[in-house]
N, C-alpha and C. Protein backbone atom coordinates (compact mmCIF):
# COMPACT_ATOMS: atom_id res chain seq x y z
N MET A 1 2.16 -14.81 -32.51
CA MET A 1 2.51 -13.83 -31.51
C MET A 1 1.28 -12.98 -31.20
N THR A 2 1.12 -12.68 -29.96
CA THR A 2 0.01 -11.82 -29.52
C THR A 2 0.44 -10.37 -29.62
N ARG A 3 -0.42 -9.55 -30.19
CA ARG A 3 -0.23 -8.11 -30.23
C ARG A 3 -1.29 -7.49 -29.32
N TYR A 4 -0.89 -6.47 -28.60
CA TYR A 4 -1.79 -5.81 -27.66
C TYR A 4 -2.09 -4.40 -28.13
N SER A 5 -3.30 -3.95 -27.85
CA SER A 5 -3.71 -2.60 -28.19
C SER A 5 -4.72 -2.13 -27.15
N ILE A 6 -5.07 -0.87 -27.25
CA ILE A 6 -6.08 -0.32 -26.34
C ILE A 6 -7.23 0.24 -27.14
N ASP A 7 -8.37 0.24 -26.53
CA ASP A 7 -9.55 0.93 -27.08
C ASP A 7 -9.88 2.02 -26.06
N PRO A 8 -9.43 3.25 -26.31
CA PRO A 8 -9.62 4.31 -25.32
C PRO A 8 -11.08 4.69 -25.12
N GLU A 9 -11.93 4.46 -26.11
CA GLU A 9 -13.35 4.80 -25.95
C GLU A 9 -14.08 3.78 -25.08
N GLN A 10 -13.71 2.51 -25.21
CA GLN A 10 -14.36 1.45 -24.42
C GLN A 10 -13.57 1.14 -23.14
N HIS A 11 -12.40 1.77 -22.98
CA HIS A 11 -11.55 1.56 -21.80
C HIS A 11 -11.17 0.09 -21.66
N GLU A 12 -10.59 -0.48 -22.74
CA GLU A 12 -10.23 -1.90 -22.75
C GLU A 12 -8.82 -2.11 -23.28
N LEU A 13 -8.17 -3.14 -22.74
CA LEU A 13 -6.92 -3.66 -23.27
C LEU A 13 -7.31 -4.86 -24.12
N ILE A 14 -6.83 -4.91 -25.36
CA ILE A 14 -7.24 -5.93 -26.32
C ILE A 14 -6.01 -6.68 -26.81
N ALA A 15 -6.16 -7.99 -26.99
CA ALA A 15 -5.11 -8.82 -27.59
C ALA A 15 -5.60 -9.26 -28.96
N THR A 16 -4.67 -9.29 -29.93
CA THR A 16 -5.03 -9.74 -31.27
C THR A 16 -4.02 -10.78 -31.74
N TRP A 17 -4.50 -11.67 -32.61
CA TRP A 17 -3.67 -12.72 -33.18
C TRP A 17 -3.94 -12.81 -34.66
N GLY A 18 -2.88 -12.83 -35.47
CA GLY A 18 -3.03 -13.05 -36.89
C GLY A 18 -3.24 -14.53 -37.16
N THR A 19 -4.16 -14.85 -38.05
CA THR A 19 -4.47 -16.26 -38.33
C THR A 19 -4.11 -16.66 -39.76
N GLY A 20 -3.71 -15.71 -40.57
CA GLY A 20 -3.50 -15.98 -41.98
C GLY A 20 -4.76 -15.74 -42.80
N GLU A 21 -5.89 -15.77 -42.17
CA GLU A 21 -7.18 -15.51 -42.81
C GLU A 21 -7.76 -14.18 -42.36
N GLY A 22 -7.12 -13.56 -41.42
CA GLY A 22 -7.59 -12.33 -40.80
C GLY A 22 -7.09 -12.33 -39.37
N ASP A 23 -7.51 -11.40 -38.59
CA ASP A 23 -7.09 -11.32 -37.20
C ASP A 23 -8.24 -11.64 -36.27
N LEU A 24 -7.90 -12.23 -35.13
CA LEU A 24 -8.85 -12.45 -34.04
C LEU A 24 -8.51 -11.47 -32.93
N ALA A 25 -9.51 -11.04 -32.18
CA ALA A 25 -9.29 -10.12 -31.08
C ALA A 25 -10.09 -10.56 -29.86
N SER A 26 -9.54 -10.26 -28.69
CA SER A 26 -10.22 -10.59 -27.45
C SER A 26 -9.94 -9.50 -26.42
N ARG A 27 -10.98 -9.14 -25.68
CA ARG A 27 -10.78 -8.18 -24.60
C ARG A 27 -10.04 -8.88 -23.48
N ILE A 28 -8.94 -8.28 -23.04
CA ILE A 28 -8.13 -8.85 -21.97
C ILE A 28 -8.52 -8.26 -20.62
N ALA A 29 -8.71 -6.96 -20.59
CA ALA A 29 -9.03 -6.31 -19.32
C ALA A 29 -9.71 -4.97 -19.57
N ALA A 30 -10.57 -4.62 -18.67
CA ALA A 30 -11.14 -3.27 -18.65
C ALA A 30 -10.15 -2.39 -17.88
N VAL A 31 -10.00 -1.17 -18.33
CA VAL A 31 -9.12 -0.23 -17.63
C VAL A 31 -9.96 0.93 -17.11
N PRO A 32 -9.54 1.53 -16.02
CA PRO A 32 -10.33 2.61 -15.45
C PRO A 32 -10.49 3.79 -16.41
N ALA A 33 -11.68 4.32 -16.48
CA ALA A 33 -11.93 5.52 -17.29
C ALA A 33 -11.02 6.63 -16.77
N GLY A 34 -10.51 7.41 -17.67
CA GLY A 34 -9.64 8.51 -17.27
C GLY A 34 -8.17 8.13 -17.17
N THR A 35 -7.84 6.86 -17.38
CA THR A 35 -6.44 6.45 -17.36
C THR A 35 -5.73 7.10 -18.54
N ASP A 36 -4.54 7.59 -18.32
CA ASP A 36 -3.77 8.27 -19.35
C ASP A 36 -3.55 7.35 -20.56
N THR A 37 -3.97 7.80 -21.73
CA THR A 37 -3.85 7.00 -22.95
C THR A 37 -2.39 6.68 -23.26
N ALA A 38 -1.49 7.61 -23.05
CA ALA A 38 -0.07 7.37 -23.32
C ALA A 38 0.46 6.24 -22.43
N LEU A 39 0.03 6.20 -21.19
CA LEU A 39 0.43 5.14 -20.28
C LEU A 39 -0.09 3.79 -20.76
N LEU A 40 -1.34 3.75 -21.20
CA LEU A 40 -1.92 2.51 -21.71
C LEU A 40 -1.21 2.05 -22.98
N MET A 41 -0.83 2.98 -23.82
CA MET A 41 -0.11 2.61 -25.05
C MET A 41 1.27 2.04 -24.72
N ARG A 42 1.93 2.57 -23.71
CA ARG A 42 3.21 2.01 -23.28
C ARG A 42 3.03 0.60 -22.74
N LEU A 43 1.95 0.38 -21.99
CA LEU A 43 1.64 -0.96 -21.49
C LEU A 43 1.42 -1.92 -22.64
N ALA A 44 0.63 -1.52 -23.63
CA ALA A 44 0.36 -2.38 -24.78
C ALA A 44 1.66 -2.69 -25.53
N ARG A 45 2.50 -1.71 -25.70
CA ARG A 45 3.78 -1.93 -26.39
C ARG A 45 4.66 -2.89 -25.61
N ALA A 46 4.73 -2.72 -24.28
CA ALA A 46 5.56 -3.60 -23.45
C ALA A 46 5.04 -5.04 -23.50
N LEU A 47 3.73 -5.21 -23.44
CA LEU A 47 3.17 -6.56 -23.51
C LEU A 47 3.42 -7.21 -24.88
N THR A 48 3.35 -6.42 -25.93
CA THR A 48 3.64 -6.94 -27.27
C THR A 48 5.09 -7.36 -27.37
N HIS A 49 6.01 -6.56 -26.84
CA HIS A 49 7.42 -6.91 -26.86
C HIS A 49 7.68 -8.17 -26.03
N LEU A 50 7.03 -8.31 -24.91
CA LEU A 50 7.17 -9.50 -24.08
C LEU A 50 6.67 -10.73 -24.85
N SER A 51 5.56 -10.60 -25.52
CA SER A 51 5.02 -11.71 -26.31
C SER A 51 6.00 -12.08 -27.43
N GLU A 52 6.58 -11.08 -28.07
CA GLU A 52 7.51 -11.33 -29.15
C GLU A 52 8.76 -12.05 -28.63
N ALA A 53 9.23 -11.65 -27.46
CA ALA A 53 10.44 -12.26 -26.88
C ALA A 53 10.18 -13.70 -26.45
N ALA A 54 8.95 -13.97 -26.02
CA ALA A 54 8.62 -15.34 -25.57
C ALA A 54 8.54 -16.26 -26.76
């Protein structure tokens, strides 16, 4: 399952995957500087829930 998170300092949406040996991460998208962190966290949570449901 893909888990999503944000990096508010780099303004990025990140996806991570557990491998059993550690986690892998990949930048999914750059987000505009100044975007509300709470909004980005809700987006990450919604994408994680969507991934879990799929």
